[in-house]
N, C-alpha and C. Protein backbone atom coordinates (compact mmCIF):
# COMPACT_ATOMS: atom_id res chain seq x y z
N MET A 1 88.81 124.55 135.39
CA MET A 1 88.83 125.92 134.75
C MET A 1 89.28 124.96 133.30
N GLU A 2 88.14 124.85 132.19
CA GLU A 2 88.40 124.41 130.92
C GLU A 2 88.74 125.49 129.48
N ASP A 3 89.38 125.96 129.28
CA ASP A 3 89.20 127.32 128.27
C ASP A 3 88.84 126.46 126.42
N THR A 4 87.31 126.97 126.73
CA THR A 4 87.18 126.38 125.87
C THR A 4 87.41 127.27 123.99
N GLY A 5 88.11 128.18 124.40
CA GLY A 5 88.62 128.76 122.54
C GLY A 5 87.69 129.70 122.96
N ALA A 6 86.62 130.00 123.33
CA ALA A 6 85.14 130.74 123.48
C ALA A 6 84.96 132.30 123.78
N THR A 7 84.45 132.31 123.18
CA THR A 7 84.70 134.65 123.37
C THR A 7 83.03 134.97 123.07
N VAL A 8 82.46 136.37 123.74
CA VAL A 8 81.49 137.03 123.02
C VAL A 8 82.27 137.86 121.95
N VAL A 9 80.85 137.65 121.38
CA VAL A 9 80.69 138.58 120.38
C VAL A 9 79.68 139.12 120.43
N SER A 10 78.77 139.65 120.68
CA SER A 10 77.89 140.82 121.10
C SER A 10 77.31 140.63 122.27
N VAL A 11 77.10 141.84 123.44
CA VAL A 11 76.71 142.30 124.67
C VAL A 11 75.47 143.27 124.75
N ASN A 12 73.96 142.36 124.00
CA ASN A 12 73.03 143.13 124.12
C ASN A 12 71.79 143.65 125.53
N ILE A 13 71.05 144.45 125.14
CA ILE A 13 70.55 144.84 126.20
C ILE A 13 68.58 145.52 124.65
N SER A 14 68.63 145.56 125.88
CA SER A 14 66.74 146.20 124.91
C SER A 14 66.37 147.06 126.16
N GLU A 15 65.89 147.59 126.33
CA GLU A 15 64.99 148.67 127.17
C GLU A 15 63.65 148.42 127.65
N ALA A 16 62.70 147.10 126.65
CA ALA A 16 61.68 147.14 127.11
C ALA A 16 61.64 145.53 126.73
N THR A 17 60.94 144.87 127.43
CA THR A 17 60.51 142.83 127.18
C THR A 17 59.71 142.60 125.60
N GLY A 18 59.88 142.00 125.53
CA GLY A 18 59.27 142.18 124.16
C GLY A 18 60.04 141.81 123.09
N GLU A 19 60.95 142.59 122.55
CA GLU A 19 61.84 143.11 121.99
C GLU A 19 63.08 142.77 121.74
N LYS A 20 63.71 142.48 119.79
CA LYS A 20 65.06 142.74 119.73
C LYS A 20 66.21 143.13 121.01
N LYS A 21 67.42 142.61 120.75
CA LYS A 21 67.93 143.88 121.69
C LYS A 21 69.06 144.12 120.31
N HIS A 22 69.58 145.52 121.37
CA HIS A 22 70.86 146.11 120.64
C HIS A 22 72.47 145.71 121.58
N ASP A 23 73.66 145.51 120.32
CA ASP A 23 74.87 145.24 120.92
C ASP A 23 74.88 146.69 121.88
N VAL A 24 75.46 147.08 122.30
CA VAL A 24 76.53 147.78 122.56
C VAL A 24 77.61 147.25 123.56
N GLY A 25 78.53 146.20 122.75
CA GLY A 25 79.96 146.83 123.23
C GLY A 25 80.75 146.21 124.33
N THR A 26 80.48 146.35 125.44
CA THR A 26 80.56 146.73 126.85
C THR A 26 79.65 147.11 127.71
N CYS A 27 79.49 146.31 129.00
CA CYS A 27 78.53 146.41 129.56
C CYS A 27 78.56 145.52 131.24
N GLU A 28 78.38 146.54 132.22
CA GLU A 28 77.84 145.66 133.50
C GLU A 28 76.83 144.90 134.17
N LEU A 29 77.53 143.98 134.47
CA LEU A 29 76.59 142.66 134.52
C LEU A 29 76.95 143.27 136.59
N LEU A 30 75.89 143.13 137.47
CA LEU A 30 74.98 143.46 138.34
C LEU A 30 75.11 141.76 139.00
N GLU A 31 75.79 141.71 140.46
CA GLU A 31 75.46 140.43 141.04
C GLU A 31 73.94 140.54 141.90
N GLU A 32 73.49 139.43 141.16
CA GLU A 32 72.36 138.42 141.25
C GLU A 32 71.14 139.96 140.53
N HIS A 33 72.02 140.47 139.62
CA HIS A 33 70.75 140.99 138.52
C HIS A 33 70.57 140.85 137.53
N GLY A 34 71.71 141.21 136.63
CA GLY A 34 71.80 141.24 135.24
C GLY A 34 72.50 142.33 134.86
N LEU A 35 72.42 142.48 133.22
CA LEU A 35 73.20 143.34 132.68
C LEU A 35 72.14 144.89 132.92
N ARG A 36 73.45 145.69 133.57
CA ARG A 36 72.79 147.16 133.88
C ARG A 36 71.34 147.50 132.60
N GLY A 37 70.76 148.07 132.92
CA GLY A 37 69.60 148.66 131.86
C GLY A 37 69.11 147.82 130.65
N ASP A 38 68.97 146.15 131.31
CA ASP A 38 68.45 145.57 130.71
C ASP A 38 67.04 144.65 130.68
N ALA A 39 65.76 144.98 130.47
CA ALA A 39 64.47 145.03 130.46
C ALA A 39 64.83 143.95 131.45
N HIS A 40 64.81 142.90 130.98
CA HIS A 40 65.11 141.32 132.19
C HIS A 40 65.44 141.17 133.56
N ALA A 41 66.47 142.47 133.29
CA ALA A 41 67.19 142.88 134.21
C ALA A 41 66.50 142.55 136.12
N ARG A 42 67.05 141.16 136.87
CA ARG A 42 65.68 141.41 137.74
C ARG A 42 66.46 140.58 138.55
N ASP A 43 65.86 140.39 140.25
CA ASP A 43 66.47 139.59 141.08
C ASP A 43 65.31 137.75 140.63
N TRP A 44 65.90 136.92 139.98
CA TRP A 44 65.37 135.86 140.07
C TRP A 44 66.53 135.08 138.65
N HIS A 45 66.07 133.46 138.70
CA HIS A 45 66.84 133.13 138.10
C HIS A 45 66.51 133.20 135.79
N ARG A 46 66.69 134.25 135.80
CA ARG A 46 66.89 134.66 134.77
C ARG A 46 67.61 135.60 134.49
N GLN A 47 68.57 136.00 134.80
CA GLN A 47 68.92 137.33 134.56
C GLN A 47 69.98 137.56 133.65
N VAL A 48 70.58 136.18 133.46
CA VAL A 48 71.18 136.99 131.85
C VAL A 48 70.61 135.72 130.64
N SER A 49 70.72 135.72 129.03
CA SER A 49 70.37 134.86 128.31
C SER A 49 71.69 135.04 127.40
N LEU A 50 71.46 133.72 126.92
CA LEU A 50 73.11 133.50 126.44
C LEU A 50 72.71 132.81 125.62
N LEU A 51 73.14 132.59 123.96
CA LEU A 51 72.92 131.93 122.68
C LEU A 51 74.60 132.11 122.35
N ALA A 52 74.54 130.61 121.05
CA ALA A 52 76.03 130.50 120.23
C ALA A 52 75.34 130.83 119.48
N LEU A 53 76.64 131.52 118.95
CA LEU A 53 76.40 132.23 117.78
C LEU A 53 76.34 131.18 116.34
N GLU A 54 77.26 130.08 116.62
CA GLU A 54 76.47 128.78 115.88
C GLU A 54 74.83 128.82 115.60
N SER A 55 74.09 128.80 116.70
CA SER A 55 72.81 128.62 116.70
C SER A 55 71.84 129.58 115.19
N ILE A 56 72.13 130.51 115.60
CA ILE A 56 72.45 131.70 114.75
C ILE A 56 72.22 131.30 113.43
N ASP A 57 73.55 131.16 113.34
CA ASP A 57 74.52 131.15 111.81
C ASP A 57 72.84 130.10 111.66
N LYS A 58 72.73 128.71 111.81
CA LYS A 58 72.08 127.96 111.80
C LYS A 58 70.53 128.41 111.24
N MET A 59 69.82 129.56 111.63
CA MET A 59 68.36 130.07 111.17
C MET A 59 69.56 131.06 110.16
N ARG A 60 70.70 131.53 109.79
CA ARG A 60 70.90 132.27 108.91
C ARG A 60 70.67 130.71 107.63
N ASP A 61 71.14 129.82 107.85
CA ASP A 61 71.37 128.60 106.90
C ASP A 61 70.11 128.32 106.40
N ALA A 62 68.87 128.86 107.38
CA ALA A 62 67.03 128.32 106.57
C ALA A 62 66.73 129.81 106.25
N GLY A 63 67.86 130.59 105.74
CA GLY A 63 67.40 131.68 104.97
C GLY A 63 66.92 133.08 105.86
N LEU A 64 67.26 133.09 106.81
CA LEU A 64 66.90 134.86 107.24
C LEU A 64 67.96 135.38 107.51
N ASP A 65 67.36 136.62 107.47
CA ASP A 65 68.22 137.76 107.49
C ASP A 65 68.62 138.08 109.45
N VAL A 66 69.66 137.35 110.06
CA VAL A 66 69.61 137.38 111.71
C VAL A 66 70.77 138.09 112.29
N SER A 67 70.92 138.07 113.13
CA SER A 67 72.03 139.28 113.68
C SER A 67 71.75 138.65 115.26
N PRO A 68 72.67 138.43 115.66
CA PRO A 68 72.79 138.26 117.15
C PRO A 68 72.19 139.39 118.02
N GLY A 69 71.30 139.51 119.28
CA GLY A 69 70.42 140.28 119.66
C GLY A 69 69.32 139.94 119.09
N ASP A 70 69.11 139.57 117.61
CA ASP A 70 67.53 139.49 117.12
C ASP A 70 66.91 138.32 117.82
N PHE A 71 66.97 137.73 118.60
CA PHE A 71 66.83 136.01 119.93
C PHE A 71 66.61 136.68 120.73
N ALA A 72 67.15 137.97 120.92
CA ALA A 72 66.38 138.81 122.54
C ALA A 72 67.77 138.37 123.81
N GLU A 73 68.82 137.58 123.41
CA GLU A 73 69.53 136.86 124.21
C GLU A 73 70.79 138.56 124.36
N ASN A 74 71.47 138.28 125.99
CA ASN A 74 72.23 138.69 126.33
C ASN A 74 73.31 139.53 126.21
N LEU A 75 73.70 137.77 126.17
CA LEU A 75 75.22 137.42 125.41
C LEU A 75 75.89 136.05 123.89
N THR A 76 76.13 136.84 123.23
CA THR A 76 75.73 135.64 122.03
C THR A 76 77.36 135.32 121.97
N ILE A 77 77.52 134.09 121.75
CA ILE A 77 78.96 133.29 122.68
C ILE A 77 78.86 132.65 121.02
N GLU A 78 80.41 132.30 120.38
CA GLU A 78 81.36 131.90 119.94
C GLU A 78 81.94 130.95 120.40
N GLY A 79 81.63 129.63 119.47
CA GLY A 79 82.92 128.98 120.19
C GLY A 79 82.31 127.55 121.47
N LEU A 80 80.67 127.73 121.60
CA LEU A 80 80.77 126.81 123.06
C LEU A 80 79.29 126.89 122.87
N ASP A 81 79.61 125.33 122.71
CA ASP A 81 77.84 124.65 122.56
C ASP A 81 77.10 125.13 123.87
N VAL A 82 76.29 126.11 124.18
CA VAL A 82 75.80 126.41 125.55
C VAL A 82 75.09 125.80 126.09
N LYS A 83 73.86 125.74 124.60
CA LYS A 83 72.88 124.82 125.53
C LYS A 83 73.46 123.14 125.78
N SER A 84 74.17 122.21 124.83
CA SER A 84 74.68 121.54 126.15
C SER A 84 75.30 121.39 127.52
N LEU A 85 75.50 122.78 127.93
CA LEU A 85 76.19 122.64 129.33
C LEU A 85 74.53 122.44 130.60
N PRO A 86 74.88 121.44 131.55
CA PRO A 86 74.29 121.08 132.09
C PRO A 86 73.46 122.40 133.10
N VAL A 87 72.58 122.46 133.57
CA VAL A 87 72.53 123.16 134.87
C VAL A 87 73.00 123.07 135.74
N GLY A 88 74.03 124.25 136.78
CA GLY A 88 74.78 124.42 137.37
C GLY A 88 76.26 124.58 137.39
N THR A 89 76.23 124.64 135.96
CA THR A 89 77.29 125.41 135.11
C THR A 89 77.59 126.60 135.42
N ARG A 90 79.64 127.05 136.17
CA ARG A 90 79.39 128.16 135.36
C ARG A 90 80.23 128.22 135.10
N LEU A 91 80.37 129.60 134.34
CA LEU A 91 80.90 130.09 133.41
C LEU A 91 82.00 131.54 133.95
N SER A 92 83.25 131.88 133.72
CA SER A 92 83.55 133.27 133.87
C SER A 92 84.05 133.22 132.88
N VAL A 93 83.41 134.75 132.56
CA VAL A 93 83.78 135.41 131.59
C VAL A 93 84.30 136.97 131.41
N GLY A 94 85.07 137.28 130.64
CA GLY A 94 86.12 138.93 130.97
C GLY A 94 87.31 138.31 132.18
N GLY A 95 86.87 139.71 132.86
CA GLY A 95 87.81 139.18 133.82
C GLY A 95 86.87 139.38 134.85
N GLY A 96 86.70 138.77 135.48
CA GLY A 96 86.05 138.60 136.35
C GLY A 96 84.38 138.11 136.73
N VAL A 97 83.37 138.19 135.93
CA VAL A 97 82.19 138.19 136.08
C VAL A 97 82.34 136.27 136.39
N LEU A 98 81.22 135.97 136.98
CA LEU A 98 80.78 134.31 137.67
C LEU A 98 79.68 134.23 137.01
N LEU A 99 79.21 133.88 135.99
CA LEU A 99 77.23 132.87 135.83
C LEU A 99 77.38 131.77 136.40
N GLU A 100 76.20 131.28 136.44
CA GLU A 100 75.96 129.95 137.16
C GLU A 100 74.19 129.91 135.63
N ILE A 101 74.53 129.25 135.29
CA ILE A 101 73.57 128.17 134.28
C ILE A 101 72.78 127.81 135.40
N THR A 102 71.14 128.12 134.74
CA THR A 102 70.27 127.81 135.87
C THR A 102 69.03 127.67 134.94
N GLN A 103 68.88 127.73 133.55
CA GLN A 103 67.96 126.59 132.90
C GLN A 103 68.57 127.14 131.12
N ILE A 104 67.82 125.41 131.12
CA ILE A 104 67.94 125.48 129.04
C ILE A 104 66.70 125.31 128.92
N GLY A 105 66.35 126.55 127.39
CA GLY A 105 66.28 127.05 126.69
C GLY A 105 64.17 127.19 127.36
N LYS A 106 63.22 127.94 126.74
CA LYS A 106 62.06 128.45 127.31
C LYS A 106 60.62 128.01 126.66
N GLU A 107 59.86 128.03 127.56
CA GLU A 107 58.32 127.57 126.76
C GLU A 107 58.75 129.72 126.80
N CYS A 108 58.16 129.64 125.10
CA CYS A 108 57.58 130.97 124.23
C CYS A 108 56.37 131.23 124.83
N HIS A 109 55.50 131.60 125.12
CA HIS A 109 54.05 131.65 125.30
C HIS A 109 53.35 132.43 124.49
N GLU A 110 54.32 133.51 123.40
CA GLU A 110 53.82 134.46 122.54
C GLU A 110 55.04 134.53 121.39
N ARG A 111 54.50 134.15 120.27
CA ARG A 111 55.25 133.69 119.27
C ARG A 111 55.88 134.98 118.78
N CYS A 112 57.72 134.76 118.83
CA CYS A 112 58.40 136.32 118.76
C CYS A 112 57.99 136.47 116.57
N ALA A 113 58.65 137.42 116.36
CA ALA A 113 58.69 137.96 114.94
C ALA A 113 59.71 136.52 114.16
N ILE A 114 60.92 136.46 114.72
CA ILE A 114 61.22 135.68 114.19
C ILE A 114 60.77 133.58 113.31
N TYR A 115 59.88 133.45 114.65
CA TYR A 115 59.03 132.66 114.71
C TYR A 115 58.35 132.73 113.22
N TYR A 116 57.42 134.55 113.27
CA TYR A 116 56.65 134.02 112.25
C TYR A 116 57.02 134.11 111.06
N GLN A 117 58.80 134.70 110.93
CA GLN A 117 59.01 135.21 109.64
C GLN A 117 59.87 133.70 109.22
N ALA A 118 60.25 133.20 110.12
CA ALA A 118 61.07 131.49 109.43
C ALA A 118 60.46 130.14 110.18
N GLY A 119 59.57 130.53 110.73
CA GLY A 119 57.72 129.33 111.42
C GLY A 119 59.29 128.62 112.08
N ASP A 120 60.50 128.09 112.77
CA ASP A 120 60.89 128.77 113.38
C ASP A 120 61.80 129.73 114.99
N CYS A 121 62.17 128.81 115.88
CA CYS A 121 62.73 130.16 116.48
C CYS A 121 63.94 129.00 117.09
N VAL A 122 64.99 129.28 117.27
CA VAL A 122 66.10 128.54 118.16
C VAL A 122 66.33 128.96 119.48
N MET A 123 65.87 129.59 119.78
CA MET A 123 66.00 130.81 121.31
C MET A 123 65.61 129.61 122.36
N PRO A 124 64.00 129.22 122.49
CA PRO A 124 63.55 128.56 123.16
C PRO A 124 63.92 126.78 123.04
N ARG A 125 64.74 126.53 122.80
CA ARG A 125 65.88 124.96 122.29
C ARG A 125 66.66 124.60 122.65
N GLU A 126 67.73 126.29 122.47
CA GLU A 126 68.84 126.65 122.43
C GLU A 126 69.22 127.40 122.95
N GLY A 127 68.76 128.79 123.76
CA GLY A 127 69.16 129.47 125.01
C GLY A 127 69.21 129.36 126.28
N VAL A 128 69.98 129.85 126.54
CA VAL A 128 70.22 129.02 128.68
C VAL A 128 70.03 130.47 128.77
N PHE A 129 70.14 129.98 130.41
CA PHE A 129 69.71 132.04 131.56
C PHE A 129 70.76 131.44 132.33
N ALA A 130 71.14 132.30 132.97
CA ALA A 130 72.03 131.97 134.34
C ALA A 130 71.87 133.79 134.85
N ARG A 131 72.53 132.94 136.08
CA ARG A 131 72.38 134.46 136.68
C ARG A 131 73.83 134.76 137.47
N VAL A 132 73.84 135.61 137.94
CA VAL A 132 75.10 136.65 138.37
C VAL A 132 75.79 136.30 139.64
N LEU A 133 76.64 135.61 140.01
CA LEU A 133 76.98 135.28 140.96
C LEU A 133 78.34 136.25 141.82
N GLU A 134 79.31 136.67 140.71
CA GLU A 134 79.97 137.54 140.94
C GLU A 134 80.11 138.87 139.78
N GLY A 135 78.97 140.00 139.81
CA GLY A 135 79.00 141.17 138.55
C GLY A 135 80.66 141.57 138.18
N GLY A 136 80.75 142.23 137.20
CA GLY A 136 81.38 142.88 136.61
C GLY A 136 80.92 143.46 134.84
N LYS A 137 82.78 143.87 134.47
CA LYS A 137 82.35 144.63 133.08
C LYS A 137 82.57 143.22 131.68
N VAL A 138 81.63 142.99 131.21
CA VAL A 138 81.47 142.37 129.74
C VAL A 138 81.45 143.34 128.77
N SER A 139 82.56 142.17 127.96
CA SER A 139 82.93 142.87 126.97
C SER A 139 83.23 142.27 125.66
N VAL A 140 82.46 142.61 124.36
CA VAL A 140 82.70 141.89 122.89
C VAL A 140 84.50 141.66 122.80
N GLY A 141 84.87 139.97 122.79
CA GLY A 141 85.99 139.47 122.62
C GLY A 141 86.52 138.57 123.81
N ASP A 142 85.58 139.01 125.07
CA ASP A 142 85.86 138.42 126.39
C ASP A 142 85.97 137.11 126.24
N LYS A 143 86.40 136.51 126.63
CA LYS A 143 87.25 135.14 126.55
C LYS A 143 85.69 134.56 128.07
N VAL A 144 85.24 133.05 127.49
CA VAL A 144 84.39 132.50 128.39
C VAL A 144 84.67 131.07 128.61
N VAL A 145 85.26 130.87 129.77
CA VAL A 145 85.55 129.64 130.01
C VAL A 145 84.99 128.78 131.34
N VAL A 146 84.45 127.30 131.05
CA VAL A 146 83.90 126.99 132.13
C VAL A 146 84.50 126.61 133.20
N VAL A 147 84.31 126.98 134.31
CA VAL A 147 84.68 126.80 135.46
C VAL A 147 84.12 125.38 135.72
N ALA A 148 83.05 125.29 136.37
CA ALA A 148 82.79 124.12 137.21
C ALA A 148 81.28 124.00 136.25
């Protein structure tokens, strides 16, 4: 186990796909499903999306008024370069949630509002996706630890 000092800064869900997510503070992650109440949750390889706060800060530095959840990520993490984690990496979040990285980046078939506003979006390159191996509650302030 590698304690990276990383923490969850936002726990985000949306009721429909294709829209920004909003911070709910705490949410239950369901094993092999995703975040309870999130439109992207289902039995597939992209149950949970993660983005580093540092990636959002890059877009802020480019002049955008963006916040956690605006890139449709479920968990915004501070202090861990999630995009550099190889597929198969396992993360322990909070008091027992176990995630496994399944995909790094994604192809955007339709340009999002962020792309049209800035001419760029970090989620396709720097967002990562995971499946829920062990469920439980995740809250803002929870530690994120690289397990393997």
